[in-house]
N, C-alpha and C. Protein backbone atom coordinates (compact mmCIF):
# COMPACT_ATOMS: atom_id res chain seq x y z
N LEU A 1 -5.62 16.35 17.88
CA LEU A 1 -5.03 16.17 18.91
C LEU A 1 -5.73 17.19 20.09
N ARG A 2 -6.62 17.35 19.89
CA ARG A 2 -7.68 18.34 20.88
C ARG A 2 -8.42 17.29 21.53
N ASP A 3 -9.62 16.47 20.15
CA ASP A 3 -10.01 15.09 20.37
C ASP A 3 -8.68 14.27 21.48
N PHE A 4 -7.85 13.75 21.07
CA PHE A 4 -7.44 13.16 21.34
C PHE A 4 -7.12 13.07 23.57
N VAL A 5 -7.09 14.78 23.30
CA VAL A 5 -6.73 15.57 24.75
C VAL A 5 -8.09 15.44 25.23
N LEU A 6 -9.79 15.62 24.95
CA LEU A 6 -10.36 15.64 25.52
C LEU A 6 -10.31 14.23 26.22
N THR A 7 -10.50 13.05 25.34
CA THR A 7 -10.71 11.87 25.95
C THR A 7 -9.52 11.59 26.87
N GLN A 8 -8.52 12.18 27.59
CA GLN A 8 -7.96 11.18 28.49
C GLN A 8 -8.79 12.19 29.65
N GLY A 9 -9.13 13.24 29.62
CA GLY A 9 -10.55 13.48 30.72
C GLY A 9 -9.01 14.20 31.78
N MET A 10 -10.10 15.28 32.34
CA MET A 10 -9.20 15.96 33.76
C MET A 10 -8.82 15.39 34.84
N SER A 11 -7.27 15.06 34.56
CA SER A 11 -6.74 14.43 35.99
C SER A 11 -5.18 15.73 36.69
N LYS A 12 -4.90 15.15 37.47
CA LYS A 12 -4.10 15.56 38.00
C LYS A 12 -2.44 14.01 37.67
N ALA A 13 -3.23 13.11 37.85
CA ALA A 13 -2.58 12.13 37.93
C ALA A 13 -1.78 11.74 36.00
N THR A 14 -0.26 11.02 36.18
CA THR A 14 -0.10 10.83 35.12
C THR A 14 0.17 10.19 34.90
N ASN A 15 -0.19 10.46 32.94
CA ASN A 15 -0.72 9.21 32.15
C ASN A 15 -0.24 8.53 31.17
N LEU A 16 0.10 8.03 31.06
CA LEU A 16 0.98 7.01 29.53
C LEU A 16 0.14 7.28 28.57
N MET A 17 -0.34 7.46 27.83
CA MET A 17 -1.06 6.74 26.56
C MET A 17 0.01 6.09 25.41
N GLU A 18 -0.92 5.30 24.51
CA GLU A 18 -0.13 4.41 22.97
C GLU A 18 -0.16 5.81 22.67
N TRP A 19 0.58 5.38 21.36
CA TRP A 19 0.52 6.17 20.02
C TRP A 19 -1.35 5.35 19.46
N ASP A 20 -1.37 4.58 19.04
CA ASP A 20 -2.19 4.06 18.67
C ASP A 20 -3.94 4.44 18.93
N LYS A 21 -3.78 5.59 19.98
CA LYS A 21 -5.43 6.19 20.01
C LYS A 21 -4.99 7.41 19.09
N ILE A 22 -4.12 8.31 19.15
CA ILE A 22 -4.00 9.09 18.32
C ILE A 22 -3.63 8.84 17.41
N TRP A 23 -3.71 7.79 16.94
CA TRP A 23 -3.34 7.38 15.26
C TRP A 23 -4.74 7.10 14.63
N ALA A 24 -5.69 6.35 15.92
CA ALA A 24 -7.53 6.17 15.45
C ALA A 24 -8.27 7.14 15.68
N ILE A 25 -7.86 8.24 16.08
CA ILE A 25 -8.69 9.15 16.19
C ILE A 25 -8.17 10.43 14.30
N ASN A 26 -7.15 9.79 14.29
CA ASN A 26 -6.48 10.68 13.16
C ASN A 26 -7.13 10.14 12.10
N LYS A 27 -7.25 8.59 11.78
CA LYS A 27 -7.50 7.75 10.69
C LYS A 27 -9.96 8.17 10.83
N GLN A 28 -10.15 7.90 12.06
CA GLN A 28 -11.52 8.70 11.84
C GLN A 28 -12.05 10.12 11.05
N LYS A 29 -10.57 11.15 11.16
CA LYS A 29 -11.40 12.35 10.43
C LYS A 29 -10.66 12.41 9.22
N ILE A 30 -9.14 11.95 9.11
CA ILE A 30 -8.25 11.88 7.71
C ILE A 30 -9.09 11.21 6.38
N ASP A 31 -9.32 9.57 7.14
CA ASP A 31 -9.69 8.10 6.15
C ASP A 31 -10.96 9.15 5.25
N PRO A 32 -12.11 9.60 6.09
CA PRO A 32 -13.16 9.95 4.63
C PRO A 32 -13.04 10.68 3.61
N VAL A 33 -11.39 11.95 3.95
CA VAL A 33 -11.81 12.92 3.00
C VAL A 33 -10.53 13.22 2.05
N VAL A 34 -9.88 12.12 2.52
CA VAL A 34 -8.28 11.64 1.34
C VAL A 34 -8.14 10.69 0.05
N PRO A 35 -8.51 11.44 -0.93
CA PRO A 35 -7.96 10.67 -1.99
C PRO A 35 -7.54 9.21 -2.26
N ARG A 36 -7.68 8.34 -2.37
CA ARG A 36 -6.86 6.53 -2.84
C ARG A 36 -5.92 6.88 -4.22
N TYR A 37 -4.80 6.42 -4.27
CA TYR A 37 -4.23 6.23 -5.34
C TYR A 37 -3.59 4.83 -5.17
N ALA A 38 -3.30 4.24 -6.03
CA ALA A 38 -1.74 3.52 -6.01
C ALA A 38 -0.79 3.32 -5.96
N GLY A 39 0.37 2.47 -4.99
CA GLY A 39 1.73 3.19 -5.46
C GLY A 39 2.79 1.69 -5.13
N VAL A 40 3.67 1.69 -5.70
CA VAL A 40 4.15 0.59 -5.41
C VAL A 40 5.96 0.99 -5.47
N GLY A 41 6.44 0.20 -4.45
CA GLY A 41 8.00 0.41 -3.28
C GLY A 41 8.66 0.43 -5.26
N LYS A 42 9.75 1.59 -5.45
CA LYS A 42 10.73 1.00 -6.18
C LYS A 42 12.02 0.18 -5.46
N GLN A 43 12.07 -0.06 -4.72
CA GLN A 43 13.48 -1.44 -4.72
C GLN A 43 12.34 -2.60 -4.80
N GLY A 44 12.50 -3.44 -5.24
CA GLY A 44 11.91 -4.57 -5.03
C GLY A 44 11.07 -5.40 -6.75
N ALA A 45 10.27 -4.02 -7.48
CA ALA A 45 9.07 -3.65 -7.82
C ALA A 45 9.41 -5.26 -8.54
N VAL A 46 8.42 -5.86 -9.16
CA VAL A 46 8.20 -7.25 -9.89
C VAL A 46 7.51 -6.45 -10.95
N LEU A 47 8.09 -6.71 -12.41
CA LEU A 47 7.39 -6.36 -13.65
C LEU A 47 6.39 -7.60 -13.85
N LEU A 48 4.74 -7.16 -14.14
CA LEU A 48 4.36 -8.53 -14.60
C LEU A 48 3.30 -8.17 -15.89
N LYS A 49 3.78 -9.33 -16.24
CA LYS A 49 3.82 -9.08 -18.75
C LYS A 49 2.32 -9.59 -18.57
N LEU A 50 1.71 -9.09 -18.59
CA LEU A 50 -0.34 -9.77 -19.41
C LEU A 50 -0.05 -10.32 -20.62
N ASP A 51 -0.75 -10.32 -20.75
CA ASP A 51 -1.54 -10.78 -22.34
C ASP A 51 -2.65 -10.06 -23.39
N GLY A 52 -2.61 -8.47 -22.06
CA GLY A 52 -3.53 -7.54 -22.95
C GLY A 52 -3.74 -6.67 -21.63
N PRO A 53 -4.43 -5.58 -22.20
CA PRO A 53 -4.50 -5.06 -23.57
C PRO A 53 -3.46 -4.71 -24.40
N PRO A 54 -3.79 -4.44 -25.85
CA PRO A 54 -2.74 -4.80 -26.95
C PRO A 54 -2.20 -2.55 -26.80
N GLU A 55 -2.91 -2.27 -25.84
CA GLU A 55 -2.41 -1.00 -25.75
C GLU A 55 -3.48 -0.16 -24.77
N PRO A 56 -2.45 0.59 -24.57
CA PRO A 56 -3.47 1.03 -22.85
C PRO A 56 -4.38 1.93 -23.31
N ILE A 57 -5.11 0.57 -21.65
CA ILE A 57 -6.73 0.87 -21.55
C ILE A 57 -7.05 2.34 -20.06
N CYS A 58 -7.81 3.84 -20.66
CA CYS A 58 -7.80 4.37 -19.94
C CYS A 58 -9.52 4.76 -19.18
N LYS A 59 -9.75 4.67 -17.67
CA LYS A 59 -10.88 4.96 -17.92
C LYS A 59 -10.74 5.91 -15.80
N MET A 60 -12.58 6.73 -15.99
CA MET A 60 -12.45 6.87 -14.86
C MET A 60 -12.68 5.95 -13.72
N GLU A 61 -11.98 6.53 -12.47
CA GLU A 61 -12.72 5.99 -11.38
C GLU A 61 -12.83 7.22 -10.74
N LYS A 62 -13.38 6.60 -9.06
CA LYS A 62 -13.70 7.15 -8.21
C LYS A 62 -12.47 7.24 -7.58
N LYS A 63 -12.18 8.85 -6.74
CA LYS A 63 -10.70 8.64 -5.65
C LYS A 63 -10.82 8.17 -4.58
N HIS A 64 -12.26 8.24 -3.87
CA HIS A 64 -12.62 7.11 -2.53
C HIS A 64 -14.04 6.74 -2.49
N PRO A 65 -13.61 5.48 -2.31
CA PRO A 65 -14.51 4.56 -3.13
C PRO A 65 -15.96 5.12 -2.13
N LYS A 66 -16.25 5.67 -1.26
CA LYS A 66 -17.26 6.28 -0.30
C LYS A 66 -17.41 7.91 -0.54
N ASN A 67 -16.92 8.11 -0.58
CA ASN A 67 -16.86 10.13 -0.91
C ASN A 67 -17.16 10.16 -2.65
N VAL A 68 -18.18 10.35 -3.63
CA VAL A 68 -17.88 10.58 -4.32
C VAL A 68 -18.22 12.60 -4.49
N GLU A 69 -18.36 12.82 -3.93
CA GLU A 69 -17.03 14.91 -3.74
C GLU A 69 -15.85 15.08 -3.98
N ILE A 70 -15.04 13.24 -3.35
CA ILE A 70 -13.42 13.69 -3.99
C ILE A 70 -13.36 14.14 -5.69
N GLY A 71 -14.20 13.54 -6.22
CA GLY A 71 -14.20 13.56 -7.81
C GLY A 71 -13.30 11.76 -8.51
N GLU A 72 -13.05 12.28 -9.55
CA GLU A 72 -12.54 11.05 -10.39
C GLU A 72 -10.55 11.06 -10.36
N ARG A 73 -10.15 10.18 -10.83
CA ARG A 73 -9.13 10.01 -11.19
C ARG A 73 -9.28 9.21 -12.73
N LEU A 74 -7.91 9.35 -13.27
CA LEU A 74 -7.85 8.24 -14.48
C LEU A 74 -7.04 7.22 -13.69
N LEU A 75 -7.04 6.03 -14.41
CA LEU A 75 -7.11 5.26 -14.51
C LEU A 75 -6.15 3.90 -15.87
N MET A 76 -4.72 4.03 -15.89
CA MET A 76 -5.06 3.47 -16.86
C MET A 76 -4.57 2.10 -17.05
N MET A 77 -5.18 0.37 -17.78
CA MET A 77 -4.43 -0.38 -17.78
C MET A 77 -3.35 -0.53 -18.80
N ALA A 78 -2.73 -1.18 -18.72
CA ALA A 78 -1.60 -1.40 -19.78
C ALA A 78 -1.69 -3.11 -19.24
N LYS A 79 -0.35 -3.61 -20.80
CA LYS A 79 -0.30 -4.79 -20.64
C LYS A 79 1.33 -5.29 -19.69
N GLU A 80 2.40 -4.55 -19.56
CA GLU A 80 2.63 -4.14 -18.44
C GLU A 80 2.31 -3.94 -16.98
N VAL A 81 2.98 -4.18 -16.44
CA VAL A 81 2.22 -3.47 -14.55
C VAL A 81 3.53 -3.95 -13.73
N TRP A 82 3.44 -2.48 -12.47
CA TRP A 82 4.52 -2.91 -11.22
C TRP A 82 3.92 -3.53 -10.12
N VAL A 83 4.24 -5.05 -9.66
CA VAL A 83 3.34 -5.12 -8.47
C VAL A 83 4.93 -5.25 -7.38
N GLU A 84 4.10 -5.15 -5.92
CA GLU A 84 5.08 -5.36 -4.75
C GLU A 84 5.63 -6.96 -4.83
N GLN A 85 7.09 -6.52 -4.42
CA GLN A 85 8.71 -8.24 -4.29
C GLN A 85 7.11 -9.02 -3.43
N GLU A 86 6.61 -8.06 -2.12
CA GLU A 86 5.88 -8.77 -1.21
C GLU A 86 4.78 -9.26 -1.86
N ASP A 87 3.73 -9.18 -2.79
CA ASP A 87 3.33 -9.49 -3.30
C ASP A 87 3.55 -10.66 -4.03
N ALA A 88 4.58 -10.28 -4.96
CA ALA A 88 4.73 -11.72 -5.59
C ALA A 88 5.59 -12.51 -5.03
N ALA A 89 5.94 -12.34 -4.23
CA ALA A 89 6.19 -13.50 -3.64
C ALA A 89 5.43 -14.66 -2.00
N ASP A 90 4.49 -14.09 -2.38
CA ASP A 90 2.88 -14.84 -1.98
C ASP A 90 2.27 -15.30 -3.03
N ILE A 91 2.54 -15.59 -4.51
CA ILE A 91 1.63 -15.77 -5.55
C ILE A 91 2.35 -16.95 -5.97
N SER A 92 1.66 -18.32 -5.90
CA SER A 92 1.49 -19.23 -6.97
C SER A 92 1.38 -19.95 -8.02
N GLU A 93 3.00 -20.16 -9.03
CA GLU A 93 1.90 -20.71 -10.56
C GLU A 93 0.96 -20.80 -10.36
N GLY A 94 -0.16 -20.42 -11.67
CA GLY A 94 -1.41 -21.45 -11.49
C GLY A 94 -2.42 -20.39 -10.64
N GLU A 95 -2.16 -19.65 -10.43
CA GLU A 95 -3.22 -18.82 -9.36
C GLU A 95 -3.65 -17.99 -10.09
N GLN A 96 -4.91 -17.61 -9.60
CA GLN A 96 -5.95 -16.89 -9.64
C GLN A 96 -5.93 -15.83 -8.51
N VAL A 97 -5.11 -14.40 -9.03
CA VAL A 97 -5.66 -13.11 -8.09
C VAL A 97 -6.47 -12.17 -8.59
N THR A 98 -6.30 -10.47 -7.74
CA THR A 98 -7.27 -9.82 -8.22
C THR A 98 -5.94 -8.82 -8.47
N LEU A 99 -6.27 -7.62 -9.78
CA LEU A 99 -5.52 -7.21 -9.39
C LEU A 99 -6.88 -5.58 -9.68
N LEU A 100 -6.47 -5.22 -8.45
CA LEU A 100 -7.76 -4.51 -7.53
C LEU A 100 -8.35 -3.45 -8.71
N HIS A 101 -9.37 -3.18 -8.19
CA HIS A 101 -10.34 -1.69 -9.94
C HIS A 101 -10.04 -2.26 -10.88
N TRP A 102 -9.06 -3.52 -11.18
CA TRP A 102 -9.11 -3.91 -12.62
C TRP A 102 -9.63 -5.38 -13.40
N GLY A 103 -9.83 -6.33 -12.20
CA GLY A 103 -10.32 -7.42 -12.07
C GLY A 103 -9.02 -8.70 -12.05
N ASN A 104 -10.13 -9.93 -12.65
CA ASN A 104 -8.75 -11.02 -11.96
C ASN A 104 -8.03 -11.74 -13.56
N ILE A 105 -6.86 -11.88 -12.83
CA ILE A 105 -5.64 -12.80 -14.16
C ILE A 105 -4.95 -14.08 -13.36
N PHE A 106 -5.15 -14.99 -13.95
CA PHE A 106 -4.26 -15.67 -13.96
C PHE A 106 -2.40 -15.88 -13.98
N VAL A 107 -1.37 -15.69 -13.05
CA VAL A 107 -0.27 -15.92 -12.82
C VAL A 107 -0.06 -17.55 -13.90
N ASP A 108 0.94 -16.97 -14.53
CA ASP A 108 0.82 -18.27 -15.21
C ASP A 108 2.91 -18.79 -14.71
N LYS A 109 3.11 -17.92 -14.83
CA LYS A 109 4.47 -18.21 -14.88
C LYS A 109 5.35 -16.78 -13.91
N ILE A 110 6.23 -17.32 -13.04
CA ILE A 110 7.15 -16.69 -12.34
C ILE A 110 8.45 -16.85 -12.17
N HIS A 111 9.25 -15.60 -12.53
CA HIS A 111 10.59 -15.44 -12.95
C HIS A 111 11.30 -15.11 -11.54
N ARG A 112 12.02 -16.42 -10.92
CA ARG A 112 13.36 -15.75 -9.82
C ARG A 112 14.69 -15.41 -9.84
N GLY A 113 15.70 -14.59 -9.47
CA GLY A 113 16.53 -13.97 -9.69
C GLY A 113 16.99 -15.34 -9.17
N ALA A 114 18.90 -15.34 -9.00
CA ALA A 114 19.75 -15.82 -8.01
C ALA A 114 19.38 -15.78 -6.63
N GLU A 115 18.84 -14.71 -5.93
CA GLU A 115 18.72 -15.29 -4.44
C GLU A 115 17.38 -15.42 -4.45
N GLY A 116 16.69 -15.76 -5.22
CA GLY A 116 14.94 -16.26 -5.04
C GLY A 116 14.49 -15.81 -4.60
N LYS A 117 14.34 -13.99 -5.78
CA LYS A 117 13.87 -13.21 -5.21
C LYS A 117 12.64 -13.17 -6.58
N VAL A 118 11.69 -12.76 -6.72
CA VAL A 118 10.68 -12.40 -8.01
C VAL A 118 11.74 -11.99 -8.62
N SER A 119 11.60 -12.29 -10.04
CA SER A 119 11.81 -10.46 -10.71
C SER A 119 11.03 -10.39 -12.04
N GLU A 120 10.32 -11.52 -12.36
CA GLU A 120 9.09 -11.40 -13.63
C GLU A 120 8.04 -12.36 -13.36
N MET A 121 6.54 -11.89 -13.93
CA MET A 121 5.54 -12.97 -14.02
C MET A 121 5.02 -12.54 -15.43
N VAL A 122 4.49 -13.86 -15.80
CA VAL A 122 3.34 -13.24 -16.91
C VAL A 122 2.51 -14.35 -16.21
N GLY A 123 1.17 -12.88 -16.44
CA GLY A 123 0.56 -13.66 -16.40
C GLY A 123 -0.82 -13.30 -17.62
N ARG A 124 -2.46 -13.66 -17.52
CA ARG A 124 -3.56 -13.37 -18.29
C ARG A 124 -4.30 -13.06 -17.95
N LEU A 125 -4.93 -12.05 -18.59
CA LEU A 125 -6.51 -11.43 -18.12
C LEU A 125 -7.50 -12.55 -17.97
N ASN A 126 -8.47 -12.52 -17.19
CA ASN A 126 -9.54 -12.89 -16.62
C ASN A 126 -11.15 -12.49 -16.57
N PRO A 127 -11.38 -11.76 -18.06
CA PRO A 127 -12.67 -11.42 -17.35
C PRO A 127 -13.24 -11.48 -16.88
N GLU A 128 -13.95 -12.96 -16.58
CA GLU A 128 -14.62 -13.77 -16.82
C GLU A 128 -14.43 -13.63 -14.39
N GLY A 129 -13.65 -13.98 -14.39
CA GLY A 129 -13.41 -14.38 -13.61
C GLY A 129 -14.06 -13.07 -12.12
N ASN A 130 -14.36 -13.82 -10.90
CA ASN A 130 -14.87 -12.54 -9.93
C ASN A 130 -13.87 -12.81 -8.53
N VAL A 131 -14.12 -11.31 -8.57
CA VAL A 131 -13.16 -10.66 -7.73
C VAL A 131 -13.39 -11.35 -6.00
N LYS A 132 -14.68 -12.03 -6.06
CA LYS A 132 -14.93 -12.53 -4.59
C LYS A 132 -14.32 -14.26 -4.11
N ASP A 133 -13.75 -14.31 -5.52
CA ASP A 133 -13.20 -15.94 -5.58
C ASP A 133 -11.79 -15.97 -5.78
N THR A 134 -11.05 -14.78 -5.38
CA THR A 134 -9.53 -14.40 -4.72
C THR A 134 -9.60 -14.16 -4.09
N LYS A 135 -8.74 -15.19 -3.21
CA LYS A 135 -8.15 -14.61 -1.96
C LYS A 135 -6.84 -13.55 -1.52
N LYS A 136 -5.92 -13.29 -3.08
CA LYS A 136 -5.47 -12.31 -2.86
C LYS A 136 -5.72 -10.77 -3.16
N LYS A 137 -5.82 -10.04 -3.12
CA LYS A 137 -6.23 -8.20 -3.96
C LYS A 137 -4.90 -7.70 -4.29
N ILE A 138 -4.33 -7.44 -5.23
CA ILE A 138 -3.22 -6.87 -5.19
C ILE A 138 -2.90 -5.30 -5.97
N HIS A 139 -2.10 -4.55 -5.14
CA HIS A 139 -2.22 -3.11 -5.58
C HIS A 139 -1.57 -3.23 -7.01
N TRP A 140 -1.28 -2.10 -8.10
CA TRP A 140 -0.43 -2.54 -9.21
C TRP A 140 -0.64 -1.09 -9.87
N VAL A 141 0.46 -0.79 -10.18
CA VAL A 141 1.34 0.49 -11.52
C VAL A 141 1.24 0.70 -12.54
N PRO A 142 0.82 0.87 -13.63
CA PRO A 142 0.98 0.71 -14.95
C PRO A 142 2.07 0.86 -15.09
N LYS A 143 2.82 -0.46 -16.46
CA LYS A 143 4.50 -0.24 -16.29
C LYS A 143 4.47 1.14 -17.87
N LEU A 144 3.94 2.13 -17.91
CA LEU A 144 4.08 3.45 -19.07
C LEU A 144 4.91 4.54 -17.54
N ASP A 145 6.19 4.83 -18.32
CA ASP A 145 7.06 5.46 -17.71
C ASP A 145 6.24 7.07 -17.49
N GLU A 146 6.08 7.06 -18.83
CA GLU A 146 5.64 9.17 -18.74
C GLU A 146 4.38 9.07 -18.09
N GLN A 147 3.74 8.02 -17.71
CA GLN A 147 2.91 8.25 -16.96
C GLN A 147 2.33 8.32 -15.51
N ILE A 148 3.64 7.82 -15.08
CA ILE A 148 3.81 7.61 -13.59
C ILE A 148 4.48 8.61 -12.61
N THR A 149 3.86 8.62 -11.64
CA THR A 149 4.53 10.08 -10.99
C THR A 149 5.62 9.21 -9.45
N ASN A 150 6.74 9.41 -9.18
CA ASN A 150 7.33 9.03 -8.36
C ASN A 150 7.55 10.21 -7.31
N VAL A 151 7.16 8.98 -6.03
CA VAL A 151 6.53 9.79 -4.41
C VAL A 151 7.64 9.16 -3.27
N VAL A 152 7.20 9.53 -2.49
CA VAL A 152 7.57 9.12 -1.02
C VAL A 152 6.68 8.53 -0.77
N LEU A 153 7.00 7.43 0.04
CA LEU A 153 5.76 6.98 1.27
C LEU A 153 6.87 6.97 2.80
N ARG A 154 6.15 8.55 3.22
CA ARG A 154 6.36 8.31 4.84
C ARG A 154 5.69 7.58 5.94
N GLU A 155 6.61 6.40 6.80
CA GLU A 155 6.03 5.76 7.28
C GLU A 155 6.66 6.96 8.72
N LEU A 156 5.69 6.73 10.12
CA LEU A 156 5.84 6.57 11.51
C LEU A 156 5.97 5.80 12.26
N ASP A 157 6.66 5.61 12.82
CA ASP A 157 6.87 4.70 14.10
C ASP A 157 6.79 5.18 15.38
N HIS A 158 6.79 4.72 16.54
CA HIS A 158 7.07 4.37 17.76
C HIS A 158 8.58 5.07 18.13
N LEU A 159 8.43 6.43 18.78
CA LEU A 159 9.38 7.05 19.22
C LEU A 159 10.90 6.58 20.39
N VAL A 160 10.41 5.15 21.01
CA VAL A 160 10.46 5.28 22.19
C VAL A 160 10.54 3.56 21.97
N THR A 161 11.24 2.81 22.22
CA THR A 161 11.27 1.00 21.49
C THR A 161 11.10 0.34 23.13
N LYS A 162 9.89 1.30 23.96
CA LYS A 162 9.55 0.54 25.32
C LYS A 162 7.88 1.04 25.30
N ALA A 163 7.46 0.41 26.43
CA ALA A 163 6.47 0.32 26.36
C ALA A 163 5.50 1.90 27.46
N LYS A 164 6.93 0.85 28.31
CA LYS A 164 6.20 2.58 29.20
C LYS A 164 7.57 2.89 29.75
N ILE A 165 8.33 3.93 29.96
CA ILE A 165 9.45 4.52 30.50
C ILE A 165 9.26 4.45 32.02
N GLU A 166 10.39 3.63 32.79
CA GLU A 166 10.82 3.90 34.17
C GLU A 166 11.91 5.23 34.10
N ASP A 167 12.16 5.40 35.55
CA ASP A 167 13.23 6.00 36.41
C ASP A 167 14.31 5.82 35.70
N ASP A 168 14.84 4.63 35.70
CA ASP A 168 16.30 4.10 36.28
C ASP A 168 16.87 4.36 34.58
N ASP A 169 15.79 4.04 33.49
CA ASP A 169 16.16 4.03 31.35
C ASP A 169 16.50 5.08 31.23
N LYS A 170 17.69 5.16 30.36
CA LYS A 170 18.72 6.03 29.79
C LYS A 170 17.79 6.35 28.82
N LEU A 171 17.16 7.59 28.24
CA LEU A 171 16.37 7.91 27.03
C LEU A 171 17.50 7.29 25.74
N GLU A 172 19.52 7.80 25.49
CA GLU A 172 19.47 7.23 24.43
C GLU A 172 19.33 5.95 24.37
N ASN A 173 19.32 4.56 25.54
CA ASN A 173 19.27 3.57 25.03
C ASN A 173 17.46 3.22 24.67
N ILE A 174 16.60 3.71 24.69
CA ILE A 174 15.14 3.53 23.89
C ILE A 174 14.94 4.37 22.88
N ILE A 175 15.41 4.87 22.45
CA ILE A 175 14.60 5.89 21.33
C ILE A 175 14.78 4.63 20.32
N ASN A 176 13.64 5.03 19.55
CA ASN A 176 13.80 4.79 18.53
C ASN A 176 14.46 5.02 17.26
N PRO A 177 15.47 4.24 16.57
CA PRO A 177 16.21 5.29 15.22
C PRO A 177 15.68 4.59 14.47
N SER A 178 14.85 3.77 13.97
CA SER A 178 14.10 3.84 12.91
C SER A 178 12.67 4.58 13.29
N SER A 179 12.37 5.75 13.79
CA SER A 179 11.32 6.23 13.93
C SER A 179 10.36 6.76 12.38
N LEU A 180 11.32 7.23 11.49
CA LEU A 180 11.59 7.51 10.26
C LEU A 180 11.50 6.66 9.52
N VAL A 181 10.84 6.18 8.26
CA VAL A 181 10.88 5.48 7.65
C VAL A 181 10.51 6.09 5.65
N ASP A 182 11.38 6.48 5.09
CA ASP A 182 11.13 7.35 4.33
C ASP A 182 11.78 5.73 3.13
N THR A 183 10.20 5.73 1.79
CA THR A 183 10.31 4.59 1.11
C THR A 183 9.73 5.21 -0.38
N GLU A 184 10.84 4.58 -1.67
CA GLU A 184 10.82 5.34 -2.99
C GLU A 184 9.60 4.56 -3.59
N ALA A 185 8.71 5.09 -4.22
CA ALA A 185 8.26 4.13 -4.90
C ALA A 185 7.15 5.29 -6.15
N ILE A 186 6.41 4.08 -7.02
CA ILE A 186 5.91 4.91 -8.19
C ILE A 186 4.14 5.03 -7.62
N GLY A 187 3.68 6.14 -8.11
CA GLY A 187 2.45 5.78 -7.91
C GLY A 187 1.66 6.27 -9.44
N ASP A 188 0.68 5.95 -9.22
CA ASP A 188 -0.34 5.76 -11.05
C ASP A 188 -0.70 7.66 -10.32
């Protein structure tokens, strides 16, 4: 907040600023020191069944790609994983995609429910695949019910629905009713 105020400079003039600036400053400060984990929204999560590994495999992975001081996390790979509905809907049968921090897979079969949403996918690992060859890189969480963590993802949006508030605006008409959105998710 201090850096945000300092960027405004000293002035008696009224100054309307976008939230983007304070979010950018926060990202500069927080991003280098926050560990990385994967999560998938619970509602609409799609089960991806793979041809392996036969038993879950564990490996240690850096918590942050550029800051080794943060330490390592346990990454568990299983033959069944959860992926986001939005990611699954964007994939075609036969397409090669990258499961982040694991490798490439081919999606062989996509099952859809009555409303047309993806309900399940079947794929196979492609250990020889190159991450650079795929357009889609997706997050995933292993389907290991005892090992996952239930989380709530909190998103903050603009408090008002207009970029510039006018003198004749009624506050109750421009307040964003959805400025705070919580999403239940499963994390690794």
